[in-house]
Structure formats: C-alpha cells, structure tokens
Amino acid sequence: MREKFPFLTKSDCPPELKILWADMLATHDEYIKHRDLLFQENDSVSVLEHSSGTVENYLENKSIWAEFNFYRENGRVLGKHPIFSFYKRINQIRGMTLGDIVRLKIRLENNMVKNKKLIRSQPGHGQTANRMERVEKMKNELMEVNRLLNL
C-alpha cells in the first residue's frame, strides 16, 4: 500500500485520508469476517446479517479506494466519502461561539429524541433508514459538542 499510495506517509497528506486508511483496514477485516461467516451459517437471520455486513464493508472499502485513487491521480481529494462532510461540519462547530454551541447541543438532543421516537413508532416507514442515519450523524456531532463543552 505504501508503494501504491505513497502520499499517505507525506506530511501534507490530508488528515481525512489518513483516517480513511485506518478505516479501510478495519472495513477489510470486517468484510473478511462476515464473508467467511456467511458460508458457515444455515439460518436465514444469520445469513442476512452476514450478507449485509459483507456488502456494507465492501462498499465502504470501495468508496475509500475511490478517494485514494483520485488523490493519487489528481493531487486533490475527491471528497465524496462522508468523512469529508463530517469534518467540515466539525470545523464549523469548532468555529461557533459558546452560546451557539450550547443551543446546538439542545437542538441535537431534542432532534435525536424525536427521530428515535419516530423510528420506534414507525419501524416499517420508508424513511427509517434515513432517520437512523440522521441520528448517527447527530450523535457524532453531539460527541464533539460535549467535548468542546468539557462534558
């Protein structure tokens, strides 16, 4: 990998790409684990769980490779991986005033409760996956907000 993507060891490499490097190693391990378990399972619930894990980790790995290949060929980030929008948002939060951060904390907590309630009350709704994704994003933002507030 160092030969294929030498920019990962350079000091000017974007930190998001270095984080994606670690994520790529983890998703590859998870992919292998789920793939191997997929062929050992007999019940449909386990087969579904491991097929889903295999596909999700494969797609995540493919997304990371796209970022690496684009950077190698163009010298700039592609920026399609969610990590780039996440860190952009984190930097926006870090630039907020203390009052704005406190208001954001309250808004995030309230929105998480609302979305979790909707997920529980309407599990088959077409927006359930989007709601779950939003809750996860809000949880990550809230972690940074709490860190900034020393909570």
N, C-alpha and C. Protein backbone atom coordinates (compact mmCIF):
# COMPACT_ATOMS: atom_id res chain seq x y z
N MET A 1 0.82 -1.19 0.00
CA MET A 1 0.00 0.00 0.00
C MET A 1 0.87 1.26 0.00
N ARG A 2 2.01 1.20 0.67
CA ARG A 2 2.89 2.37 0.67
C ARG A 2 3.41 2.67 -0.73
N GLU A 3 3.60 1.63 -1.51
CA GLU A 3 4.06 1.83 -2.88
C GLU A 3 2.92 2.36 -3.75
N LYS A 4 1.74 1.86 -3.53
CA LYS A 4 0.59 2.26 -4.33
C LYS A 4 0.11 3.67 -3.98
N PHE A 5 0.16 4.01 -2.69
CA PHE A 5 -0.32 5.32 -2.23
C PHE A 5 0.75 5.98 -1.35
N PRO A 6 1.88 6.38 -1.93
CA PRO A 6 2.97 6.95 -1.13
C PRO A 6 2.58 8.26 -0.44
N PHE A 7 1.57 8.94 -0.94
CA PHE A 7 1.16 10.21 -0.34
C PHE A 7 0.65 10.05 1.09
N LEU A 8 0.25 8.84 1.47
CA LEU A 8 -0.27 8.62 2.83
C LEU A 8 0.79 8.84 3.91
N THR A 9 2.05 8.74 3.55
CA THR A 9 3.12 8.94 4.53
C THR A 9 3.68 10.36 4.50
N LYS A 10 3.18 11.19 3.62
CA LYS A 10 3.68 12.57 3.49
C LYS A 10 3.01 13.48 4.51
N SER A 11 3.73 14.49 4.93
CA SER A 11 3.20 15.42 5.94
C SER A 11 2.07 16.28 5.40
N ASP A 12 2.00 16.49 4.08
CA ASP A 12 0.95 17.32 3.52
C ASP A 12 -0.30 16.53 3.11
N CYS A 13 -0.32 15.26 3.43
CA CYS A 13 -1.48 14.42 3.12
C CYS A 13 -2.66 14.87 3.99
N PRO A 14 -3.83 15.07 3.39
CA PRO A 14 -5.00 15.47 4.19
C PRO A 14 -5.27 14.46 5.31
N PRO A 15 -5.54 14.94 6.52
CA PRO A 15 -5.75 14.02 7.64
C PRO A 15 -6.93 13.07 7.43
N GLU A 16 -7.92 13.51 6.65
CA GLU A 16 -9.07 12.63 6.38
C GLU A 16 -8.63 11.37 5.64
N LEU A 17 -7.65 11.51 4.75
CA LEU A 17 -7.17 10.34 4.02
C LEU A 17 -6.43 9.38 4.95
N LYS A 18 -5.72 9.94 5.92
CA LYS A 18 -5.03 9.08 6.89
C LYS A 18 -6.04 8.34 7.77
N ILE A 19 -7.12 9.01 8.11
CA ILE A 19 -8.19 8.36 8.88
C ILE A 19 -8.84 7.27 8.02
N LEU A 20 -9.06 7.59 6.74
CA LEU A 20 -9.65 6.60 5.84
C LEU A 20 -8.76 5.38 5.69
N TRP A 21 -7.45 5.58 5.78
CA TRP A 21 -6.52 4.45 5.71
C TRP A 21 -6.82 3.46 6.84
N ALA A 22 -6.96 3.98 8.06
CA ALA A 22 -7.28 3.12 9.20
C ALA A 22 -8.65 2.49 9.03
N ASP A 23 -9.61 3.28 8.55
CA ASP A 23 -10.96 2.75 8.32
C ASP A 23 -10.95 1.65 7.27
N MET A 24 -10.11 1.82 6.25
CA MET A 24 -10.04 0.82 5.20
C MET A 24 -9.54 -0.51 5.75
N LEU A 25 -8.55 -0.46 6.61
CA LEU A 25 -8.04 -1.69 7.21
C LEU A 25 -9.13 -2.37 8.05
N ALA A 26 -9.87 -1.58 8.81
CA ALA A 26 -10.93 -2.13 9.65
C ALA A 26 -12.07 -2.71 8.81
N THR A 27 -12.48 -1.98 7.76
CA THR A 27 -13.58 -2.49 6.94
C THR A 27 -13.16 -3.74 6.18
N HIS A 28 -11.90 -3.81 5.79
CA HIS A 28 -11.44 -5.02 5.10
C HIS A 28 -11.51 -6.23 6.05
N ASP A 29 -11.08 -6.03 7.29
CA ASP A 29 -11.16 -7.12 8.27
C ASP A 29 -12.60 -7.54 8.51
N GLU A 30 -13.49 -6.56 8.63
CA GLU A 30 -14.92 -6.87 8.84
C GLU A 30 -15.51 -7.59 7.62
N TYR A 31 -15.13 -7.16 6.44
CA TYR A 31 -15.58 -7.80 5.21
C TYR A 31 -15.19 -9.27 5.21
N ILE A 32 -13.93 -9.55 5.50
CA ILE A 32 -13.42 -10.93 5.53
C ILE A 32 -14.18 -11.74 6.58
N LYS A 33 -14.37 -11.17 7.77
CA LYS A 33 -15.06 -11.87 8.85
C LYS A 33 -16.49 -12.24 8.43
N HIS A 34 -17.24 -11.25 7.92
CA HIS A 34 -18.63 -11.51 7.52
C HIS A 34 -18.70 -12.47 6.34
N ARG A 35 -17.79 -12.33 5.38
CA ARG A 35 -17.78 -13.22 4.22
C ARG A 35 -17.55 -14.66 4.64
N ASP A 36 -16.59 -14.86 5.53
CA ASP A 36 -16.28 -16.22 5.98
C ASP A 36 -17.44 -16.80 6.79
N LEU A 37 -18.04 -15.99 7.65
CA LEU A 37 -19.17 -16.47 8.46
C LEU A 37 -20.41 -16.73 7.62
N LEU A 38 -20.54 -16.00 6.53
CA LEU A 38 -21.70 -16.16 5.65
C LEU A 38 -21.82 -17.59 5.15
N PHE A 39 -20.71 -18.21 4.84
CA PHE A 39 -20.74 -19.56 4.30
C PHE A 39 -20.79 -20.64 5.38
N GLN A 40 -20.74 -20.22 6.64
CA GLN A 40 -20.83 -21.18 7.73
C GLN A 40 -22.22 -21.22 8.36
N GLU A 41 -23.05 -20.24 8.04
CA GLU A 41 -24.37 -20.13 8.67
C GLU A 41 -25.43 -20.89 7.89
N ASN A 42 -26.45 -21.33 8.63
CA ASN A 42 -27.56 -22.05 8.00
C ASN A 42 -28.89 -21.32 8.13
N ASP A 43 -29.06 -20.56 9.22
CA ASP A 43 -30.36 -19.91 9.43
C ASP A 43 -30.40 -18.58 8.67
N SER A 44 -31.60 -18.22 8.22
CA SER A 44 -31.77 -17.05 7.36
C SER A 44 -31.40 -15.74 8.05
N VAL A 45 -31.61 -15.62 9.35
CA VAL A 45 -31.28 -14.40 10.06
C VAL A 45 -29.76 -14.18 10.04
N SER A 46 -29.00 -15.20 10.31
CA SER A 46 -27.53 -15.08 10.30
C SER A 46 -27.01 -14.84 8.89
N VAL A 47 -27.60 -15.51 7.91
CA VAL A 47 -27.18 -15.32 6.52
C VAL A 47 -27.44 -13.87 6.12
N LEU A 48 -28.61 -13.33 6.48
CA LEU A 48 -28.93 -11.95 6.16
C LEU A 48 -27.96 -10.98 6.84
N GLU A 49 -27.68 -11.23 8.12
CA GLU A 49 -26.76 -10.36 8.87
C GLU A 49 -25.37 -10.35 8.24
N HIS A 50 -24.87 -11.53 7.90
CA HIS A 50 -23.51 -11.60 7.36
C HIS A 50 -23.45 -11.16 5.91
N SER A 51 -24.53 -11.35 5.15
CA SER A 51 -24.52 -10.82 3.78
C SER A 51 -24.53 -9.31 3.80
N SER A 52 -25.34 -8.76 4.70
CA SER A 52 -25.41 -7.31 4.84
C SER A 52 -24.05 -6.76 5.28
N GLY A 53 -23.42 -7.40 6.25
CA GLY A 53 -22.09 -6.98 6.70
C GLY A 53 -21.06 -7.06 5.60
N THR A 54 -21.13 -8.11 4.80
CA THR A 54 -20.19 -8.28 3.69
C THR A 54 -20.36 -7.15 2.68
N VAL A 55 -21.60 -6.90 2.27
CA VAL A 55 -21.86 -5.88 1.25
C VAL A 55 -21.53 -4.48 1.77
N GLU A 56 -21.95 -4.16 2.99
CA GLU A 56 -21.69 -2.83 3.55
C GLU A 56 -20.19 -2.55 3.63
N ASN A 57 -19.44 -3.50 4.12
CA ASN A 57 -18.00 -3.31 4.25
C ASN A 57 -17.31 -3.27 2.89
N TYR A 58 -17.79 -4.04 1.95
CA TYR A 58 -17.24 -4.00 0.59
C TYR A 58 -17.46 -2.61 -0.03
N LEU A 59 -18.68 -2.09 0.10
CA LEU A 59 -18.99 -0.79 -0.48
C LEU A 59 -18.20 0.33 0.20
N GLU A 60 -18.05 0.25 1.52
CA GLU A 60 -17.26 1.24 2.24
C GLU A 60 -15.81 1.20 1.77
N ASN A 61 -15.27 0.01 1.63
CA ASN A 61 -13.89 -0.16 1.18
C ASN A 61 -13.72 0.40 -0.23
N LYS A 62 -14.70 0.14 -1.08
CA LYS A 62 -14.65 0.64 -2.46
C LYS A 62 -14.68 2.17 -2.49
N SER A 63 -15.48 2.76 -1.62
CA SER A 63 -15.57 4.21 -1.53
C SER A 63 -14.23 4.81 -1.09
N ILE A 64 -13.57 4.16 -0.17
CA ILE A 64 -12.26 4.64 0.30
C ILE A 64 -11.22 4.53 -0.81
N TRP A 65 -11.24 3.40 -1.52
CA TRP A 65 -10.30 3.23 -2.64
C TRP A 65 -10.50 4.32 -3.70
N ALA A 66 -11.75 4.70 -3.93
CA ALA A 66 -12.02 5.75 -4.91
C ALA A 66 -11.36 7.06 -4.49
N GLU A 67 -11.42 7.37 -3.19
CA GLU A 67 -10.77 8.58 -2.68
C GLU A 67 -9.25 8.50 -2.87
N PHE A 68 -8.67 7.37 -2.53
CA PHE A 68 -7.22 7.20 -2.66
C PHE A 68 -6.77 7.31 -4.12
N ASN A 69 -7.47 6.60 -4.99
CA ASN A 69 -7.10 6.63 -6.41
C ASN A 69 -7.22 8.03 -7.00
N PHE A 70 -8.30 8.73 -6.65
CA PHE A 70 -8.50 10.08 -7.15
C PHE A 70 -7.38 11.00 -6.67
N TYR A 71 -7.03 10.89 -5.40
CA TYR A 71 -5.97 11.73 -4.85
C TYR A 71 -4.62 11.43 -5.52
N ARG A 72 -4.35 10.17 -5.72
CA ARG A 72 -3.09 9.77 -6.37
C ARG A 72 -3.00 10.34 -7.79
N GLU A 73 -4.13 10.32 -8.51
CA GLU A 73 -4.13 10.76 -9.90
C GLU A 73 -4.23 12.28 -10.05
N ASN A 74 -4.89 12.95 -9.11
CA ASN A 74 -5.18 14.38 -9.27
C ASN A 74 -4.54 15.30 -8.24
N GLY A 75 -3.98 14.72 -7.16
CA GLY A 75 -3.34 15.54 -6.15
C GLY A 75 -4.31 16.34 -5.29
N ARG A 76 -5.57 16.01 -5.35
CA ARG A 76 -6.59 16.65 -4.51
C ARG A 76 -7.64 15.61 -4.16
N VAL A 77 -8.40 15.91 -3.10
CA VAL A 77 -9.39 14.93 -2.65
C VAL A 77 -10.62 14.95 -3.55
N LEU A 78 -11.21 13.80 -3.71
CA LEU A 78 -12.48 13.67 -4.42
C LEU A 78 -13.59 14.25 -3.55
N GLY A 79 -13.56 13.90 -2.27
CA GLY A 79 -14.49 14.49 -1.30
C GLY A 79 -15.87 13.90 -1.27
N LYS A 80 -16.08 12.75 -1.89
CA LYS A 80 -17.42 12.14 -1.89
C LYS A 80 -17.67 11.28 -0.66
N HIS A 81 -16.61 10.83 -0.01
CA HIS A 81 -16.78 9.99 1.17
C HIS A 81 -17.37 10.85 2.29
N PRO A 82 -18.29 10.28 3.09
CA PRO A 82 -18.93 11.05 4.17
C PRO A 82 -17.98 11.67 5.18
N ILE A 83 -16.77 11.16 5.30
CA ILE A 83 -15.83 11.70 6.27
C ILE A 83 -15.51 13.17 5.98
N PHE A 84 -15.54 13.57 4.72
CA PHE A 84 -15.21 14.95 4.37
C PHE A 84 -16.30 15.91 4.82
N SER A 85 -17.55 15.56 4.62
CA SER A 85 -18.63 16.44 5.09
C SER A 85 -18.69 16.43 6.62
N PHE A 86 -18.37 15.29 7.23
CA PHE A 86 -18.36 15.21 8.69
C PHE A 86 -17.33 16.17 9.28
N TYR A 87 -16.10 16.14 8.76
CA TYR A 87 -15.06 17.01 9.31
C TYR A 87 -15.29 18.48 8.95
N LYS A 88 -15.94 18.73 7.84
CA LYS A 88 -16.32 20.10 7.52
C LYS A 88 -17.29 20.61 8.58
N ARG A 89 -18.27 19.77 8.94
CA ARG A 89 -19.25 20.15 9.97
C ARG A 89 -18.57 20.32 11.33
N ILE A 90 -17.65 19.43 11.67
CA ILE A 90 -16.93 19.53 12.94
C ILE A 90 -16.17 20.85 13.01
N ASN A 91 -15.54 21.24 11.92
CA ASN A 91 -14.81 22.51 11.89
C ASN A 91 -15.76 23.70 12.02
N GLN A 92 -16.97 23.58 11.44
CA GLN A 92 -17.97 24.64 11.62
C GLN A 92 -18.36 24.76 13.09
N ILE A 93 -18.56 23.64 13.74
CA ILE A 93 -18.94 23.64 15.16
C ILE A 93 -17.82 24.27 15.99
N ARG A 94 -16.59 23.92 15.69
CA ARG A 94 -15.46 24.46 16.45
C ARG A 94 -15.34 25.97 16.30
N GLY A 95 -15.88 26.51 15.21
CA GLY A 95 -15.84 27.95 14.98
C GLY A 95 -17.00 28.71 15.61
N MET A 96 -17.93 27.99 16.24
CA MET A 96 -19.10 28.63 16.84
C MET A 96 -18.77 29.28 18.18
N THR A 97 -19.62 30.23 18.55
CA THR A 97 -19.49 30.82 19.88
C THR A 97 -20.01 29.82 20.91
N LEU A 98 -19.67 30.06 22.16
CA LEU A 98 -20.10 29.17 23.24
C LEU A 98 -21.63 29.09 23.29
N GLY A 99 -22.29 30.23 23.15
CA GLY A 99 -23.75 30.25 23.17
C GLY A 99 -24.36 29.43 22.04
N ASP A 100 -23.77 29.55 20.85
CA ASP A 100 -24.26 28.77 19.70
C ASP A 100 -24.04 27.28 19.92
N ILE A 101 -22.94 26.93 20.54
CA ILE A 101 -22.66 25.51 20.81
C ILE A 101 -23.68 24.95 21.80
N VAL A 102 -24.01 25.73 22.83
CA VAL A 102 -25.00 25.28 23.81
C VAL A 102 -26.36 25.11 23.14
N ARG A 103 -26.75 26.08 22.28
CA ARG A 103 -28.03 25.95 21.56
C ARG A 103 -28.03 24.74 20.63
N LEU A 104 -26.89 24.49 19.99
CA LEU A 104 -26.76 23.32 19.12
C LEU A 104 -26.92 22.04 19.93
N LYS A 105 -26.32 21.99 21.11
CA LYS A 105 -26.44 20.81 21.98
C LYS A 105 -27.90 20.52 22.28
N ILE A 106 -28.64 21.54 22.67
CA ILE A 106 -30.07 21.37 22.99
C ILE A 106 -30.83 20.90 21.76
N ARG A 107 -30.57 21.52 20.61
CA ARG A 107 -31.27 21.16 19.38
C ARG A 107 -30.94 19.71 18.96
N LEU A 108 -29.67 19.32 19.07
CA LEU A 108 -29.28 17.95 18.72
C LEU A 108 -29.97 16.94 19.62
N GLU A 109 -29.96 17.20 20.92
CA GLU A 109 -30.60 16.26 21.86
C GLU A 109 -32.08 16.13 21.58
N ASN A 110 -32.77 17.26 21.33
CA ASN A 110 -34.20 17.22 21.04
C ASN A 110 -34.49 16.47 19.73
N ASN A 111 -33.69 16.76 18.70
CA ASN A 111 -33.91 16.10 17.41
C ASN A 111 -33.62 14.61 17.48
N MET A 112 -32.63 14.23 18.27
CA MET A 112 -32.34 12.80 18.41
C MET A 112 -33.52 12.08 19.07
N VAL A 113 -34.08 12.68 20.10
CA VAL A 113 -35.23 12.08 20.78
C VAL A 113 -36.40 11.94 19.81
N LYS A 114 -36.68 12.98 19.03
CA LYS A 114 -37.79 12.94 18.07
C LYS A 114 -37.58 11.85 17.03
N ASN A 115 -36.37 11.80 16.47
CA ASN A 115 -36.09 10.81 15.44
C ASN A 115 -36.12 9.38 15.99
N LYS A 116 -35.60 9.18 17.18
CA LYS A 116 -35.63 7.84 17.79
C LYS A 116 -37.07 7.41 18.05
N LYS A 117 -37.89 8.35 18.47
CA LYS A 117 -39.31 8.06 18.72
C LYS A 117 -40.00 7.66 17.42
N LEU A 118 -39.72 8.38 16.35
CA LEU A 118 -40.30 8.05 15.05
C LEU A 118 -39.83 6.68 14.57
N ILE A 119 -38.57 6.36 14.79
CA ILE A 119 -38.04 5.06 14.38
C ILE A 119 -38.75 3.94 15.13
N ARG A 120 -38.94 4.12 16.44
CA ARG A 120 -39.62 3.10 17.24
C ARG A 120 -41.10 2.97 16.89
N SER A 121 -41.75 4.10 16.65
CA SER A 121 -43.20 4.07 16.41
C SER A 121 -43.57 3.67 14.99
N GLN A 122 -42.64 3.87 14.05
CA GLN A 122 -42.91 3.55 12.64
C GLN A 122 -41.75 2.75 12.04
N PRO A 123 -41.52 1.53 12.53
CA PRO A 123 -40.34 0.78 12.09
C PRO A 123 -40.33 0.43 10.60
N GLY A 124 -41.48 0.32 9.98
CA GLY A 124 -41.53 -0.06 8.57
C GLY A 124 -41.62 1.13 7.64
N HIS A 125 -41.53 2.33 8.17
CA HIS A 125 -41.65 3.54 7.36
C HIS A 125 -40.50 3.63 6.36
N GLY A 126 -40.77 4.21 5.22
CA GLY A 126 -39.77 4.33 4.16
C GLY A 126 -38.59 5.21 4.53
N GLN A 127 -38.77 6.07 5.53
CA GLN A 127 -37.70 6.97 5.94
C GLN A 127 -36.89 6.44 7.12
N THR A 128 -37.16 5.23 7.56
CA THR A 128 -36.48 4.69 8.75
C THR A 128 -34.96 4.69 8.58
N ALA A 129 -34.48 4.24 7.46
CA ALA A 129 -33.02 4.20 7.25
C ALA A 129 -32.42 5.60 7.28
N ASN A 130 -33.10 6.57 6.65
CA ASN A 130 -32.62 7.95 6.67
C ASN A 130 -32.63 8.51 8.08
N ARG A 131 -33.66 8.19 8.83
CA ARG A 131 -33.76 8.67 10.21
C ARG A 131 -32.64 8.08 11.06
N MET A 132 -32.36 6.81 10.87
CA MET A 132 -31.29 6.17 11.63
C MET A 132 -29.94 6.81 11.28
N GLU A 133 -29.75 7.12 10.02
CA GLU A 133 -28.51 7.77 9.58
C GLU A 133 -28.40 9.17 10.20
N ARG A 134 -29.51 9.90 10.23
CA ARG A 134 -29.51 11.24 10.84
C ARG A 134 -29.19 11.16 12.32
N VAL A 135 -29.77 10.18 13.01
CA VAL A 135 -29.50 10.01 14.44
C VAL A 135 -28.01 9.75 14.66
N GLU A 136 -27.43 8.92 13.83
CA GLU A 136 -26.00 8.62 13.96
C GLU A 136 -25.15 9.88 13.73
N LYS A 137 -25.50 10.69 12.73
CA LYS A 137 -24.78 11.93 12.49
C LYS A 137 -24.94 12.89 13.66
N MET A 138 -26.16 12.98 14.19
CA MET A 138 -26.40 13.87 15.33
C MET A 138 -25.62 13.39 16.56
N LYS A 139 -25.55 12.08 16.73
CA LYS A 139 -24.80 11.52 17.86
C LYS A 139 -23.32 11.89 17.76
N ASN A 140 -22.76 11.81 16.57
CA ASN A 140 -21.36 12.17 16.36
C ASN A 140 -21.13 13.67 16.59
N GLU A 141 -22.05 14.50 16.10
CA GLU A 141 -21.94 15.93 16.35
C GLU A 141 -22.04 16.23 17.84
N LEU A 142 -22.96 15.56 18.51
CA LEU A 142 -23.16 15.78 19.94
C LEU A 142 -21.91 15.38 20.73
N MET A 143 -21.23 14.34 20.31
CA MET A 143 -19.99 13.95 20.97
C MET A 143 -18.96 15.08 20.90
N GLU A 144 -18.85 15.71 19.73
CA GLU A 144 -17.91 16.82 19.57
C GLU A 144 -18.37 18.03 20.39
N VAL A 145 -19.66 18.32 20.38
CA VAL A 145 -20.20 19.43 21.18
C VAL A 145 -19.90 19.20 22.66
N ASN A 146 -20.16 18.00 23.15
CA ASN A 146 -19.89 17.69 24.56
C ASN A 146 -18.40 17.80 24.88
N ARG A 147 -17.57 17.39 23.93
CA ARG A 147 -16.13 17.50 24.13
C ARG A 147 -15.73 18.97 24.24
N LEU A 148 -16.29 19.81 23.37
CA LEU A 148 -15.98 21.24 23.41
C LEU A 148 -16.48 21.90 24.69
N LEU A 149 -17.59 21.40 25.21
CA LEU A 149 -18.15 21.94 26.45
C LEU A 149 -17.57 21.27 27.70
N ASN A 150 -16.61 20.37 27.48
CA ASN A 150 -15.98 19.63 28.57
C ASN A 150 -16.99 18.82 29.39
N LEU A 151 -17.94 18.21 28.70
CA LEU A 151 -18.95 17.38 29.38
C LEU A 151 -18.62 15.90 29.25
